[in-house]
Amino acid sequence: MEWRDLIAVDPEIQRGRPVIKGTRVLVQVLVGSLAGGMTAEDVCEQYRVNEEQLRAALAYAAEALAE
């Protein structure tokens, strides 16, 4: 599955910042939590996302940085 299937950017949700589809969980928060030292398991538990959603957030961030 591609990140596009799991990440949403909608001006009506979180002011248009990227989130996990069907949630209000920001990609920025997930990536920042990993960068801050949380394990992937802890991030998934804390924000109630699954591994696939977390990987999609990382893929989105990587592509955004490449632009």
PDB file of N, CA and C in Angstrom:
ATOM      1  N   MET A   1       0.837  -1.177   0.000  1.00  0.00           N
ATOM      2  CA  MET A   1       0.000   0.000   0.000  1.00  0.00           C
ATOM      3  C   MET A   1       0.888   1.248   0.000  1.00  0.00           C
ATOM      4  N   GLU A   2       0.495   2.252  -0.748  1.00  0.00           N
ATOM      5  CA  GLU A   2       1.252   3.503  -0.820  1.00  0.00           C
ATOM      6  C   GLU A   2       0.798   4.462   0.269  1.00  0.00           C
ATOM      7  N   TRP A   3       1.666   5.405   0.604  1.00  0.00           N
ATOM      8  CA  TRP A   3       1.308   6.373   1.645  1.00  0.00           C
ATOM      9  C   TRP A   3       0.050   7.143   1.269  1.00  0.00           C
ATOM     10  N   ARG A   4      -0.164   7.336  -0.020  1.00  0.00           N
ATOM     11  CA  ARG A   4      -1.339   8.094  -0.475  1.00  0.00           C
ATOM     12  C   ARG A   4      -2.660   7.433  -0.062  1.00  0.00           C
ATOM     13  N   ASP A   5      -2.600   6.136   0.178  1.00  0.00           N
ATOM     14  CA  ASP A   5      -3.800   5.419   0.608  1.00  0.00           C
ATOM     15  C   ASP A   5      -4.095   5.636   2.091  1.00  0.00           C
ATOM     16  N   LEU A   6      -3.109   6.113   2.838  1.00  0.00           N
ATOM     17  CA  LEU A   6      -3.247   6.204   4.294  1.00  0.00           C
ATOM     18  C   LEU A   6      -3.092   7.607   4.868  1.00  0.00           C
ATOM     19  N   ILE A   7      -2.640   8.554   4.051  1.00  0.00           N
ATOM     20  CA  ILE A   7      -2.420   9.926   4.514  1.00  0.00           C
ATOM     21  C   ILE A   7      -3.429  10.845   3.832  1.00  0.00           C
ATOM     22  N   ALA A   8      -4.011  11.750   4.613  1.00  0.00           N
ATOM     23  CA  ALA A   8      -4.982  12.707   4.069  1.00  0.00           C
ATOM     24  C   ALA A   8      -4.505  14.129   4.324  1.00  0.00           C
ATOM     25  N   VAL A   9      -4.769  14.992   3.348  1.00  0.00           N
ATOM     26  CA  VAL A   9      -4.536  16.431   3.503  1.00  0.00           C
ATOM     27  C   VAL A   9      -5.846  17.102   3.110  1.00  0.00           C
ATOM     28  N   ASP A  10      -6.533  17.618   4.121  1.00  0.00           N
ATOM     29  CA  ASP A  10      -7.862  18.196   3.930  1.00  0.00           C
ATOM     30  C   ASP A  10      -7.925  19.501   4.719  1.00  0.00           C
ATOM     31  N   PRO A  11      -8.241  20.609   4.057  1.00  0.00           N
ATOM     32  CA  PRO A  11      -8.284  21.891   4.759  1.00  0.00           C
ATOM     33  C   PRO A  11      -9.256  21.907   5.942  1.00  0.00           C
ATOM     34  N   GLU A  12     -10.197  20.992   5.966  1.00  0.00           N
ATOM     35  CA  GLU A  12     -11.180  20.921   7.051  1.00  0.00           C
ATOM     36  C   GLU A  12     -10.664  20.146   8.270  1.00  0.00           C
ATOM     37  N   ILE A  13      -9.534  19.456   8.110  1.00  0.00           N
ATOM     38  CA  ILE A  13      -8.982  18.638   9.201  1.00  0.00           C
ATOM     39  C   ILE A  13      -7.587  19.135   9.537  1.00  0.00           C
ATOM     40  N   GLN A  14      -7.383  19.510  10.789  1.00  0.00           N
ATOM     41  CA  GLN A  14      -6.078  19.969  11.282  1.00  0.00           C
ATOM     42  C   GLN A  14      -5.476  21.062  10.388  1.00  0.00           C
ATOM     43  N   ARG A  15      -6.334  21.950   9.916  1.00  0.00           N
ATOM     44  CA  ARG A  15      -5.909  23.091   9.085  1.00  0.00           C
ATOM     45  C   ARG A  15      -5.107  22.670   7.850  1.00  0.00           C
ATOM     46  N   GLY A  16      -5.443  21.514   7.307  1.00  0.00           N
ATOM     47  CA  GLY A  16      -4.816  21.077   6.068  1.00  0.00           C
ATOM     48  C   GLY A  16      -3.468  20.400   6.227  1.00  0.00           C
ATOM     49  N   ARG A  17      -3.055  20.185   7.457  1.00  0.00           N
ATOM     50  CA  ARG A  17      -1.783  19.480   7.663  1.00  0.00           C
ATOM     51  C   ARG A  17      -2.018  17.979   7.485  1.00  0.00           C
ATOM     52  N   PRO A  18      -1.017  17.244   7.023  1.00  0.00           N
ATOM     53  CA  PRO A  18      -1.206  15.817   6.752  1.00  0.00           C
ATOM     54  C   PRO A  18      -1.480  15.014   8.023  1.00  0.00           C
ATOM     55  N   VAL A  19      -2.488  14.145   7.912  1.00  0.00           N
ATOM     56  CA  VAL A  19      -2.894  13.280   9.017  1.00  0.00           C
ATOM     57  C   VAL A  19      -3.070  11.853   8.512  1.00  0.00           C
ATOM     58  N   ILE A  20      -3.133  10.924   9.458  1.00  0.00           N
ATOM     59  CA  ILE A  20      -3.502   9.559   9.121  1.00  0.00           C
ATOM     60  C   ILE A  20      -4.996   9.577   8.785  1.00  0.00           C
ATOM     61  N   LYS A  21      -5.357   9.032   7.629  1.00  0.00           N
ATOM     62  CA  LYS A  21      -6.765   9.031   7.196  1.00  0.00           C
ATOM     63  C   LYS A  21      -7.664   8.451   8.276  1.00  0.00           C
ATOM     64  N   GLY A  22      -8.803   9.097   8.459  1.00  0.00           N
ATOM     65  CA  GLY A  22      -9.780   8.631   9.423  1.00  0.00           C
ATOM     66  C   GLY A  22      -9.460   9.011  10.857  1.00  0.00           C
ATOM     67  N   THR A  23      -8.382   9.786  11.039  1.00  0.00           N
ATOM     68  CA  THR A  23      -7.991  10.233  12.379  1.00  0.00           C
ATOM     69  C   THR A  23      -7.648  11.715  12.306  1.00  0.00           C
ATOM     70  N   ARG A  24      -7.263  12.254  13.440  1.00  0.00           N
ATOM     71  CA  ARG A  24      -6.740  13.618  13.487  1.00  0.00           C
ATOM     72  C   ARG A  24      -5.266  13.583  13.890  1.00  0.00           C
ATOM     73  N   VAL A  25      -4.648  12.406  13.770  1.00  0.00           N
ATOM     74  CA  VAL A  25      -3.247  12.228  14.161  1.00  0.00           C
ATOM     75  C   VAL A  25      -2.351  12.800  13.064  1.00  0.00           C
ATOM     76  N   LEU A  26      -1.574  13.801  13.434  1.00  0.00           N
ATOM     77  CA  LEU A  26      -0.691  14.476  12.483  1.00  0.00           C
ATOM     78  C   LEU A  26       0.544  13.643  12.153  1.00  0.00           C
ATOM     79  N   VAL A  27       0.909  13.632  10.883  1.00  0.00           N
ATOM     80  CA  VAL A  27       2.158  12.999  10.457  1.00  0.00           C
ATOM     81  C   VAL A  27       3.323  13.615  11.229  1.00  0.00           C
ATOM     82  N   GLN A  28       3.303  14.910  11.381  1.00  0.00           N
ATOM     83  CA  GLN A  28       4.362  15.635  12.091  1.00  0.00           C
ATOM     84  C   GLN A  28       4.554  15.095  13.513  1.00  0.00           C
ATOM     85  N   VAL A  29       3.476  14.779  14.188  1.00  0.00           N
ATOM     86  CA  VAL A  29       3.555  14.270  15.561  1.00  0.00           C
ATOM     87  C   VAL A  29       4.180  12.878  15.581  1.00  0.00           C
ATOM     88  N   LEU A  30       3.789  12.029  14.644  1.00  0.00           N
ATOM     89  CA  LEU A  30       4.344  10.675  14.594  1.00  0.00           C
ATOM     90  C   LEU A  30       5.839  10.706  14.310  1.00  0.00           C
ATOM     91  N   VAL A  31       6.229  11.463  13.299  1.00  0.00           N
ATOM     92  CA  VAL A  31       7.649  11.550  12.939  1.00  0.00           C
ATOM     93  C   VAL A  31       8.439  12.202  14.070  1.00  0.00           C
ATOM     94  N   GLY A  32       7.894  13.242  14.645  1.00  0.00           N
ATOM     95  CA  GLY A  32       8.563  13.915  15.750  1.00  0.00           C
ATOM     96  C   GLY A  32       8.738  13.023  16.966  1.00  0.00           C
ATOM     97  N   SER A  33       7.767  12.187  17.227  1.00  0.00           N
ATOM     98  CA  SER A  33       7.865  11.261  18.356  1.00  0.00           C
ATOM     99  C   SER A  33       8.985  10.252  18.141  1.00  0.00           C
ATOM    100  N   LEU A  34       9.100   9.747  16.925  1.00  0.00           N
ATOM    101  CA  LEU A  34      10.207   8.835  16.613  1.00  0.00           C
ATOM    102  C   LEU A  34      11.545   9.553  16.739  1.00  0.00           C
ATOM    103  N   ALA A  35      11.617  10.750  16.201  1.00  0.00           N
ATOM    104  CA  ALA A  35      12.857  11.531  16.268  1.00  0.00           C
ATOM    105  C   ALA A  35      13.220  11.856  17.713  1.00  0.00           C
ATOM    106  N   GLY A  36      12.219  11.981  18.556  1.00  0.00           N
ATOM    107  CA  GLY A  36      12.445  12.292  19.961  1.00  0.00           C
ATOM    108  C   GLY A  36      12.853  11.098  20.808  1.00  0.00           C
ATOM    109  N   GLY A  37      12.877   9.921  20.192  1.00  0.00           N
ATOM    110  CA  GLY A  37      13.374   8.756  20.908  1.00  0.00           C
ATOM    111  C   GLY A  37      12.364   7.674  21.218  1.00  0.00           C
ATOM    112  N   MET A  38      11.098   7.903  20.910  1.00  0.00           N
ATOM    113  CA  MET A  38      10.107   6.848  21.146  1.00  0.00           C
ATOM    114  C   MET A  38      10.338   5.707  20.162  1.00  0.00           C
ATOM    115  N   THR A  39      10.046   4.495  20.586  1.00  0.00           N
ATOM    116  CA  THR A  39      10.121   3.360  19.673  1.00  0.00           C
ATOM    117  C   THR A  39       8.876   3.355  18.792  1.00  0.00           C
ATOM    118  N   ALA A  40       8.966   2.653  17.677  1.00  0.00           N
ATOM    119  CA  ALA A  40       7.813   2.540  16.782  1.00  0.00           C
ATOM    120  C   ALA A  40       6.635   1.916  17.526  1.00  0.00           C
ATOM    121  N   GLU A  41       6.918   0.924  18.341  1.00  0.00           N
ATOM    122  CA  GLU A  41       5.860   0.267  19.114  1.00  0.00           C
ATOM    123  C   GLU A  41       5.186   1.260  20.061  1.00  0.00           C
ATOM    124  N   ASP A  42       5.986   2.075  20.735  1.00  0.00           N
ATOM    125  CA  ASP A  42       5.432   3.065  21.659  1.00  0.00           C
ATOM    126  C   ASP A  42       4.599   4.118  20.927  1.00  0.00           C
ATOM    127  N   VAL A  43       5.077   4.556  19.767  1.00  0.00           N
ATOM    128  CA  VAL A  43       4.334   5.551  18.980  1.00  0.00           C
ATOM    129  C   VAL A  43       2.982   4.975  18.558  1.00  0.00           C
ATOM    130  N   CYS A  44       2.998   3.751  18.072  1.00  0.00           N
ATOM    131  CA  CYS A  44       1.745   3.117  17.645  1.00  0.00           C
ATOM    132  C   CYS A  44       0.766   3.006  18.810  1.00  0.00           C
ATOM    133  N   GLU A  45       1.273   2.625  19.964  1.00  0.00           N
ATOM    134  CA  GLU A  45       0.409   2.484  21.135  1.00  0.00           C
ATOM    135  C   GLU A  45      -0.108   3.846  21.611  1.00  0.00           C
ATOM    136  N   GLN A  46       0.784   4.814  21.696  1.00  0.00           N
ATOM    137  CA  GLN A  46       0.425   6.144  22.207  1.00  0.00           C
ATOM    138  C   GLN A  46      -0.627   6.833  21.333  1.00  0.00           C
ATOM    139  N   TYR A  47      -0.476   6.721  20.011  1.00  0.00           N
ATOM    140  CA  TYR A  47      -1.351   7.452  19.092  1.00  0.00           C
ATOM    141  C   TYR A  47      -2.398   6.569  18.418  1.00  0.00           C
ATOM    142  N   ARG A  48      -2.429   5.310  18.812  1.00  0.00           N
ATOM    143  CA  ARG A  48      -3.416   4.354  18.300  1.00  0.00           C
ATOM    144  C   ARG A  48      -3.404   4.258  16.779  1.00  0.00           C
ATOM    145  N   VAL A  49      -2.205   4.091  16.245  1.00  0.00           N
ATOM    146  CA  VAL A  49      -2.033   3.828  14.814  1.00  0.00           C
ATOM    147  C   VAL A  49      -1.355   2.468  14.684  1.00  0.00           C
ATOM    148  N   ASN A  50      -1.436   1.888  13.503  1.00  0.00           N
ATOM    149  CA  ASN A  50      -0.750   0.613  13.301  1.00  0.00           C
ATOM    150  C   ASN A  50       0.573   0.845  12.576  1.00  0.00           C
ATOM    151  N   GLU A  51       1.350  -0.220  12.450  1.00  0.00           N
ATOM    152  CA  GLU A  51       2.675  -0.105  11.826  1.00  0.00           C
ATOM    153  C   GLU A  51       2.598   0.401  10.394  1.00  0.00           C
ATOM    154  N   GLU A  52       1.612  -0.065   9.662  1.00  0.00           N
ATOM    155  CA  GLU A  52       1.457   0.361   8.270  1.00  0.00           C
ATOM    156  C   GLU A  52       1.189   1.865   8.192  1.00  0.00           C
ATOM    157  N   GLN A  53       0.370   2.371   9.081  1.00  0.00           N
ATOM    158  CA  GLN A  53       0.092   3.808   9.117  1.00  0.00           C
ATOM    159  C   GLN A  53       1.343   4.596   9.491  1.00  0.00           C
ATOM    160  N   LEU A  54       2.121   4.080  10.428  1.00  0.00           N
ATOM    161  CA  LEU A  54       3.356   4.749  10.825  1.00  0.00           C
ATOM    162  C   LEU A  54       4.351   4.772   9.666  1.00  0.00           C
ATOM    163  N   ARG A  55       4.476   3.656   8.957  1.00  0.00           N
ATOM    164  CA  ARG A  55       5.369   3.621   7.787  1.00  0.00           C
ATOM    165  C   ARG A  55       4.896   4.598   6.715  1.00  0.00           C
ATOM    166  N   ALA A  56       3.586   4.720   6.538  1.00  0.00           N
ATOM    167  CA  ALA A  56       3.048   5.673   5.562  1.00  0.00           C
ATOM    168  C   ALA A  56       3.418   7.101   5.950  1.00  0.00           C
ATOM    169  N   ALA A  57       3.357   7.412   7.240  1.00  0.00           N
ATOM    170  CA  ALA A  57       3.740   8.749   7.709  1.00  0.00           C
ATOM    171  C   ALA A  57       5.208   9.025   7.400  1.00  0.00           C
ATOM    172  N   LEU A  58       6.056   8.041   7.615  1.00  0.00           N
ATOM    173  CA  LEU A  58       7.483   8.208   7.320  1.00  0.00           C
ATOM    174  C   LEU A  58       7.720   8.356   5.821  1.00  0.00           C
ATOM    175  N   ALA A  59       7.011   7.577   5.024  1.00  0.00           N
ATOM    176  CA  ALA A  59       7.156   7.675   3.570  1.00  0.00           C
ATOM    177  C   ALA A  59       6.699   9.047   3.075  1.00  0.00           C
ATOM    178  N   TYR A  60       5.610   9.548   3.628  1.00  0.00           N
ATOM    179  CA  TYR A  60       5.129  10.882   3.269  1.00  0.00           C
ATOM    180  C   TYR A  60       6.187  11.924   3.607  1.00  0.00           C
ATOM    181  N   ALA A  61       6.728  11.851   4.813  1.00  0.00           N
ATOM    182  CA  ALA A  61       7.738  12.820   5.251  1.00  0.00           C
ATOM    183  C   ALA A  61       8.975  12.754   4.360  1.00  0.00           C
ATOM    184  N   ALA A  62       9.408  11.561   4.020  1.00  0.00           N
ATOM    185  CA  ALA A  62      10.585  11.408   3.165  1.00  0.00           C
ATOM    186  C   ALA A  62      10.344  12.031   1.795  1.00  0.00           C
ATOM    187  N   GLU A  63       9.176  11.798   1.231  1.00  0.00           N
ATOM    188  CA  GLU A  63       8.867  12.363  -0.086  1.00  0.00           C
ATOM    189  C   GLU A  63       8.751  13.887  -0.013  1.00  0.00           C
ATOM    190  N   ALA A  64       8.150  14.391   1.053  1.00  0.00           N
ATOM    191  CA  ALA A  64       8.008  15.842   1.213  1.00  0.00           C
ATOM    192  C   ALA A  64       9.377  16.511   1.318  1.00  0.00           C
ATOM    193  N   LEU A  65      10.310  15.876   1.987  1.00  0.00           N
ATOM    194  CA  LEU A  65      11.655  16.437   2.125  1.00  0.00           C
ATOM    195  C   LEU A  65      12.438  16.380   0.817  1.00  0.00           C
ATOM    196  N   ALA A  66      12.114  15.417  -0.022  1.00  0.00           N
ATOM    197  CA  ALA A  66      12.824  15.260  -1.290  1.00  0.00           C
ATOM    198  C   ALA A  66      12.421  16.319  -2.310  1.00  0.00           C
ATOM    199  N   GLU A  67      11.294  16.971  -2.085  1.00  0.00           N
ATOM    200  CA  GLU A  67      10.798  17.963  -3.051  1.00  0.00           C
ATOM    201  C   GLU A  67      11.535  19.269  -2.947  1.00  0.00           C
TER     202      GLU A  67
END
